[in-house]
N, C-alpha and C. Protein backbone atom coordinates (compact mmCIF):
# COMPACT_ATOMS: atom_id res chain seq x y z
N ILE A 1 45.07 138.54 165.35
CA ILE A 1 44.74 140.14 164.96
C ILE A 1 43.38 140.74 165.46
N ALA A 2 42.84 140.06 165.74
CA ALA A 2 41.30 140.34 166.32
C ALA A 2 41.27 140.91 167.34
N ILE A 3 42.45 141.15 168.05
CA ILE A 3 42.56 141.74 169.23
C ILE A 3 42.26 143.40 168.96
N GLY A 4 43.04 143.62 167.52
CA GLY A 4 42.74 144.96 167.11
C GLY A 4 41.73 145.61 165.91
N GLN A 5 40.66 144.51 165.90
CA GLN A 5 39.59 144.42 165.40
C GLN A 5 39.98 145.28 163.85
N ALA A 6 39.32 146.20 163.50
CA ALA A 6 39.84 146.99 162.43
C ALA A 6 40.74 148.17 162.09
N HIS A 7 41.32 148.30 163.20
CA HIS A 7 42.29 149.31 163.41
C HIS A 7 43.42 149.55 162.75
N CYS A 8 43.74 148.01 162.02
CA CYS A 8 45.18 147.90 161.33
C CYS A 8 45.04 148.35 160.10
N LEU A 9 43.57 148.84 159.54
CA LEU A 9 43.43 149.08 158.24
C LEU A 9 43.71 150.29 157.71
N ASP A 10 44.23 151.45 159.07
CA ASP A 10 43.97 152.43 159.18
C ASP A 10 45.28 152.89 159.47
N ASP A 11 45.73 152.14 160.69
CA ASP A 11 46.77 152.74 161.35
C ASP A 11 48.10 151.93 161.30
N PRO A 12 49.13 152.49 160.28
CA PRO A 12 50.42 151.34 160.18
C PRO A 12 51.09 151.20 161.63
N ARG A 13 51.09 152.31 162.32
CA ARG A 13 51.65 151.77 164.12
C ARG A 13 50.50 150.72 164.53
N MET A 14 49.62 150.82 164.42
CA MET A 14 48.76 149.34 165.03
C MET A 14 49.12 148.45 164.08
N ARG A 15 48.84 148.28 162.91
CA ARG A 15 49.29 146.94 162.16
C ARG A 15 50.11 146.73 162.31
N GLU A 16 51.47 147.45 162.75
CA GLU A 16 53.23 146.97 162.84
C GLU A 16 52.90 146.39 163.95
N VAL A 17 52.17 146.45 164.97
CA VAL A 17 51.76 145.76 166.69
C VAL A 17 51.30 144.32 166.28
N LEU A 18 50.11 144.30 165.55
CA LEU A 18 49.35 143.34 165.42
C LEU A 18 50.17 142.53 164.44
N VAL A 19 50.53 142.89 163.68
CA VAL A 19 51.38 141.74 162.93
C VAL A 19 52.60 140.78 163.88
N ALA A 20 52.97 141.95 164.52
CA ALA A 20 54.39 141.55 165.68
C ALA A 20 53.37 140.16 166.49
N ILE A 21 52.50 140.80 167.23
CA ILE A 21 52.02 139.71 168.23
C ILE A 21 51.17 138.43 167.54
N ALA A 22 50.92 138.47 166.05
CA ALA A 22 50.39 137.48 165.50
C ALA A 22 50.95 135.89 165.93
N ASP A 23 52.21 136.11 166.18
CA ASP A 23 52.89 134.76 166.31
C ASP A 23 52.74 134.62 167.79
N TRP A 24 52.16 134.25 168.47
CA TRP A 24 52.46 134.16 169.57
C TRP A 24 53.79 133.47 170.23
N LYS A 25 54.09 132.79 169.47
CA LYS A 25 55.59 132.16 170.15
C LYS A 25 56.74 133.04 169.73
N MET A 26 56.59 133.93 170.54
CA MET A 26 57.75 135.09 170.54
C MET A 26 58.84 134.36 171.43
N ASP A 27 59.91 134.71 171.29
CA ASP A 27 61.33 134.90 171.77
C ASP A 27 61.59 136.19 172.50
N GLU A 28 62.25 136.24 173.56
CA GLU A 28 62.34 137.29 174.47
C GLU A 28 62.96 138.83 173.71
N GLU A 29 63.56 138.77 172.57
CA GLU A 29 64.15 139.72 171.53
C GLU A 29 62.56 140.31 171.08
N GLN A 30 62.05 139.12 170.42
CA GLN A 30 60.73 139.71 169.95
C GLN A 30 60.03 140.51 170.86
N PHE A 31 59.77 139.94 171.78
CA PHE A 31 58.72 140.12 172.54
C PHE A 31 59.20 141.65 173.05
N LEU A 32 60.52 141.88 173.50
CA LEU A 32 61.10 143.31 173.89
C LEU A 32 61.00 144.29 172.73
N ASN A 33 61.30 143.78 171.58
CA ASN A 33 60.84 144.55 170.31
C ASN A 33 59.47 144.88 170.22
N THR A 34 58.50 144.12 170.50
CA THR A 34 57.32 144.22 170.13
C THR A 34 56.77 145.58 171.22
N LYS A 35 56.90 145.01 172.71
CA LYS A 35 56.96 146.06 173.67
C LYS A 35 57.48 147.37 173.01
N GLY A 36 58.32 147.66 172.29
CA GLY A 36 59.09 149.32 171.89
C GLY A 36 58.58 149.35 171.06
N LEU A 37 56.96 148.80 170.38
CA LEU A 37 56.76 149.26 168.99
C LEU A 37 55.90 150.51 169.52
N SER A 38 55.98 151.53 168.68
CA SER A 38 54.76 152.74 169.19
C SER A 38 53.31 152.20 169.47
N GLY A 39 53.18 151.19 168.57
CA GLY A 39 51.49 151.03 168.42
C GLY A 39 51.33 150.17 170.15
N TRP A 40 52.15 149.37 170.58
CA TRP A 40 52.15 148.76 171.99
C TRP A 40 51.48 149.16 172.79
N SER A 41 51.46 150.52 173.06
CA SER A 41 50.76 151.64 173.87
C SER A 41 49.72 151.83 173.71
N ARG A 42 49.22 151.44 172.68
CA ARG A 42 47.57 151.95 172.23
C ARG A 42 46.45 150.68 172.80
N LEU A 43 47.51 149.36 172.77
CA LEU A 43 46.59 148.34 173.02
C LEU A 43 46.28 148.05 174.69
N SER A 44 44.88 147.61 174.47
CA SER A 44 44.66 147.94 176.05
C SER A 44 45.16 146.92 176.69
N ALA A 45 45.31 147.21 178.16
CA ALA A 45 46.17 146.72 179.71
C ALA A 45 45.56 145.15 179.13
N GLU A 46 44.55 145.04 179.10
CA GLU A 46 43.86 143.78 178.76
C GLU A 46 44.83 142.60 177.75
N ALA A 47 44.97 143.71 176.84
CA ALA A 47 45.36 142.79 175.35
C ALA A 47 47.35 142.61 175.42
N GLN A 48 47.33 143.53 176.16
CA GLN A 48 49.02 143.86 176.85
C GLN A 48 49.33 142.37 177.70
N ALA A 49 48.63 142.25 178.08
CA ALA A 49 48.76 141.29 179.41
C ALA A 49 48.38 139.69 179.09
N LEU A 50 47.48 139.60 177.88
CA LEU A 50 47.76 138.52 177.22
C LEU A 50 48.98 138.10 176.24
N VAL A 51 49.15 139.08 175.64
CA VAL A 51 50.47 138.92 174.98
C VAL A 51 51.79 138.70 175.65
N THR A 52 51.60 139.35 176.96
CA THR A 52 52.78 139.11 177.96
C THR A 52 52.60 137.79 178.75
N ALA A 53 51.49 137.89 178.70
CA ALA A 53 51.32 136.04 179.27
C ALA A 53 51.50 134.85 178.31
N SER A 54 50.92 135.26 176.97
CA SER A 54 51.30 134.30 176.23
C SER A 54 52.89 134.15 176.00
N TYR A 55 53.83 134.89 175.77
CA TYR A 55 54.98 135.42 175.96
C TYR A 55 55.90 134.25 176.79
N LEU A 56 55.04 134.69 178.62
CA LEU A 56 55.57 133.53 178.98
C LEU A 56 55.57 132.02 179.11
N TYR A 57 54.01 131.76 178.76
CA TYR A 57 53.79 130.32 178.30
C TYR A 57 54.88 129.84 177.55
N TYR A 58 55.13 130.35 176.62
CA TYR A 58 56.06 129.48 175.68
C TYR A 58 57.45 129.90 175.67
N GLN A 59 57.72 130.80 176.49
CA GLN A 59 59.15 130.81 177.24
C GLN A 59 59.35 129.95 178.44
N GLU A 60 58.35 130.09 179.39
CA GLU A 60 58.71 129.72 180.77
C GLU A 60 57.97 128.25 181.25
N GLY A 61 56.87 127.98 179.99
CA GLY A 61 55.88 127.11 180.53
C GLY A 61 54.66 127.36 181.42
N GLU A 62 55.14 129.06 181.82
CA GLU A 62 53.82 129.44 182.79
C GLU A 62 52.41 130.21 182.00
N PHE A 63 51.32 128.65 182.36
CA PHE A 63 49.84 128.81 181.55
C PHE A 63 49.50 130.20 182.02
N PRO A 64 48.72 130.71 181.45
CA PRO A 64 48.02 132.43 181.81
C PRO A 64 46.76 132.30 182.75
N SER A 65 46.94 133.08 183.85
CA SER A 65 45.62 133.05 184.63
C SER A 65 44.66 132.71 184.06
N SER A 66 43.39 132.46 184.74
CA SER A 66 42.21 131.94 184.36
C SER A 66 41.65 133.61 184.04
N ASP A 67 42.17 134.34 184.53
CA ASP A 67 41.90 135.95 184.45
C ASP A 67 41.66 136.16 183.30
N LEU A 68 42.79 135.29 182.34
CA LEU A 68 43.04 135.62 181.07
C LEU A 68 42.62 134.76 180.15
N VAL A 69 42.63 133.88 180.19
CA VAL A 69 42.47 132.60 179.73
C VAL A 69 41.34 131.55 180.36
N SER A 70 39.92 131.37 179.97
CA SER A 70 39.00 130.46 180.63
C SER A 70 39.34 129.38 180.52
N LEU A 71 39.25 128.33 181.55
CA LEU A 71 39.86 127.42 181.64
C LEU A 71 38.51 126.31 181.57
N THR A 72 37.09 127.29 180.88
CA THR A 72 35.97 126.15 180.45
C THR A 72 35.60 126.58 179.20
N PRO A 73 35.82 125.10 178.48
CA PRO A 73 35.44 125.81 177.05
C PRO A 73 34.02 126.23 176.72
N PRO A 74 34.01 127.06 175.30
CA PRO A 74 32.58 127.54 175.07
C PRO A 74 31.86 126.72 174.45
N SER A 75 30.46 127.01 174.63
CA SER A 75 29.49 125.74 173.96
C SER A 75 29.77 125.98 172.53
N LEU A 76 29.44 124.60 172.11
CA LEU A 76 29.74 124.82 170.83
C LEU A 76 28.77 124.89 169.63
N LEU A 77 27.28 125.40 170.36
CA LEU A 77 26.04 125.22 169.28
C LEU A 77 25.74 126.68 170.02
N ALA A 78 26.06 127.62 170.30
CA ALA A 78 25.84 129.09 171.00
C ALA A 78 24.82 129.89 169.97
N GLY A 79 23.52 130.46 170.12
CA GLY A 79 23.05 131.45 168.72
C GLY A 79 22.07 130.31 167.86
N VAL A 80 22.18 129.03 168.27
CA VAL A 80 21.69 128.25 167.21
C VAL A 80 20.50 127.44 167.84
N ASP A 81 19.07 127.41 167.35
CA ASP A 81 18.02 126.68 167.88
C ASP A 81 18.14 125.30 167.16
N LYS A 82 17.55 124.31 167.46
CA LYS A 82 17.51 122.94 167.34
C LYS A 82 16.79 122.88 166.03
N LYS A 83 16.26 123.18 165.00
CA LYS A 83 16.13 123.20 163.98
C LYS A 83 17.27 124.03 162.99
N GLY A 84 18.33 124.40 163.58
CA GLY A 84 19.49 124.65 162.75
C GLY A 84 19.33 126.40 162.23
N GLY A 85 18.44 127.07 162.60
CA GLY A 85 18.47 128.56 162.59
C GLY A 85 19.13 129.46 163.87
N ALA A 86 19.60 130.62 163.21
CA ALA A 86 20.05 131.32 164.43
C ALA A 86 18.95 132.13 165.38
N LEU A 87 19.02 132.18 166.60
CA LEU A 87 17.88 132.50 167.65
C LEU A 87 17.92 133.98 166.76
């Protein structure tokens, strides 16, 4: 739901689509229904591509491209100094 930030609080159409994509393990029927929701077109092209890639991964085993999913894990201690305080 982080994709939609706080939009779902005020907008029932966005809430509907964000709840639909919260379970990334969609079957074809769920995916097509989700794409048909009125809030779908309000997602960014990148968010739509990520949802589509996730659907394809769970249905066909096709891992999303590195354009969508970084192959490098994030740093474990970003933004923390050696004494434990925030930078």
